[in-house]
């Protein structure tokens, strides 16, 4: 099944510990059906100091992948979650927001 969400889409999280948070998709993983959203579902990563160098260790936060079924596309007009449909216009397949019937780029 083809994924309807793409890199750069504005989405809202609809379930899980980050429910209600919004962000932009930085990576879409169609093979696993997951997406990585900027600033959402952050995990701490502990880095060891570099061997032989003067770098010190660090604890960094970075977003983890969450399932695409837990997010919805953010409608450009109403700023609420919406589903996405695919329609043919002039022989090309385009994505359309279901709530506002807005054509997406």
Protein backbone atom coordinates (compact mmCIF):
# COMPACT_ATOMS: atom_id res chain seq x y z
CA UNK A 1 0.00 0.00 0.00
CA UNK A 2 1.32 3.42 -0.93
CA UNK A 3 1.83 5.94 1.86
CA UNK A 4 -0.23 9.13 1.58
CA UNK A 5 2.05 11.23 3.79
CA UNK A 6 5.24 12.74 2.39
CA UNK A 7 8.32 14.52 3.63
CA UNK A 8 7.52 18.17 4.38
CA UNK A 9 3.84 17.61 5.25
CA UNK A 10 2.41 19.34 8.32
CA UNK A 11 0.79 16.70 10.56
CA UNK A 12 -0.90 16.41 13.96
CA UNK A 13 -0.41 13.44 16.30
CA UNK A 14 -3.79 11.85 17.11
CA UNK A 15 -2.75 9.14 19.59
CA UNK A 16 0.05 8.28 21.99
CA UNK A 17 1.98 10.32 24.54
CA UNK A 18 2.46 13.21 22.09
CA UNK A 19 -1.25 13.48 21.21
CA UNK A 20 -2.19 16.97 19.98
CA UNK A 21 1.34 18.04 19.02
CA UNK A 22 2.03 19.21 15.48
CA UNK A 23 5.14 19.16 13.36
CA UNK A 24 6.67 18.66 9.94
CA UNK A 25 7.60 15.24 8.60
CA UNK A 26 11.39 15.03 8.19
CA UNK A 27 11.46 11.40 6.99
CA UNK A 28 8.84 9.03 5.65
CA UNK A 29 9.58 5.31 5.88
CA UNK A 30 7.09 3.59 3.53
CA UNK A 31 8.60 0.11 4.03
CA UNK A 32 7.64 0.15 7.71
CA UNK A 33 4.72 2.59 7.52
CA UNK A 34 6.37 5.06 9.88
CA UNK A 35 7.20 8.75 9.86
CA UNK A 36 9.73 10.92 11.74
CA UNK A 37 8.29 14.26 12.85
CA UNK A 38 10.43 17.23 13.86
CA UNK A 39 10.16 17.92 17.62
CA UNK A 40 7.74 15.04 18.34
CA UNK A 41 8.44 11.69 20.08
CA UNK A 42 11.87 12.71 21.31
CA UNK A 43 14.22 10.11 22.79
CA UNK A 44 17.51 10.66 24.58
CA UNK A 45 20.64 9.25 22.93
CA UNK A 46 23.73 8.80 25.10
CA UNK A 47 26.98 9.31 23.18
CA UNK A 48 30.30 8.05 24.46
CA UNK A 49 33.38 10.28 24.31
CA UNK A 50 35.31 9.97 21.06
CA UNK A 51 38.22 7.55 21.24
CA UNK A 52 41.59 9.34 21.09
CA UNK A 53 40.02 12.75 20.69
CA UNK A 54 39.18 15.46 23.17
CA UNK A 55 35.44 15.28 22.51
CA UNK A 56 33.34 14.70 25.57
CA UNK A 57 30.29 12.49 25.74
CA UNK A 58 26.84 13.96 25.42
CA UNK A 59 23.18 13.23 25.80
CA UNK A 60 21.25 14.40 22.76
CA UNK A 61 17.52 14.34 22.03
CA UNK A 62 16.32 13.30 18.62
CA UNK A 63 12.93 12.31 17.21
CA UNK A 64 12.07 8.65 16.78
CA UNK A 65 9.85 7.12 14.14
CA UNK A 66 6.17 6.72 14.97
CA UNK A 67 3.52 4.83 13.07
CA UNK A 68 1.84 6.75 10.27
CA UNK A 69 -1.58 5.62 11.51
CA UNK A 70 -1.07 7.76 14.64
CA UNK A 71 -0.83 11.02 12.68
CA UNK A 72 -3.21 12.99 10.47
CA UNK A 73 -2.49 15.56 7.79
CA UNK A 74 -3.06 19.12 9.03
CA UNK A 75 -5.67 20.84 6.87
CA UNK A 76 -4.26 24.12 5.51
CA UNK A 77 -7.53 26.03 5.98
CA UNK A 78 -9.05 24.75 9.24
CA UNK A 79 -5.75 23.75 10.95
CA UNK A 80 -7.36 20.46 12.06
CA UNK A 81 -6.59 16.87 11.15
CA UNK A 82 -7.97 15.60 7.85
CA UNK A 83 -7.74 12.60 5.59
CA UNK A 84 -6.14 12.70 2.16
CA UNK A 85 -7.75 11.55 -1.08
CA UNK A 86 -6.18 11.02 -4.47
CA UNK A 87 -7.87 12.30 -7.60
CA UNK A 88 -6.94 12.68 -11.25
CA UNK A 89 -6.64 16.18 -12.64
CA UNK A 90 -5.43 16.70 -16.21
CA UNK A 91 -4.08 13.14 -16.29
CA UNK A 92 -2.02 13.60 -13.13
CA UNK A 93 -2.74 12.16 -9.70
CA UNK A 94 -3.01 14.88 -7.04
CA UNK A 95 -3.62 14.77 -3.31
CA UNK A 96 -6.71 16.51 -1.94
CA UNK A 97 -7.60 17.34 1.68
CA UNK A 98 -10.99 15.79 2.47
CA UNK A 99 -12.28 18.49 4.88
CA UNK A 100 -11.65 21.60 2.79
CA UNK A 101 -11.32 19.96 -0.65
CA UNK A 102 -7.98 21.79 -1.06
CA UNK A 103 -5.50 20.49 -3.64
CA UNK A 104 -2.11 19.79 -2.06
CA UNK A 105 1.20 20.34 -3.81
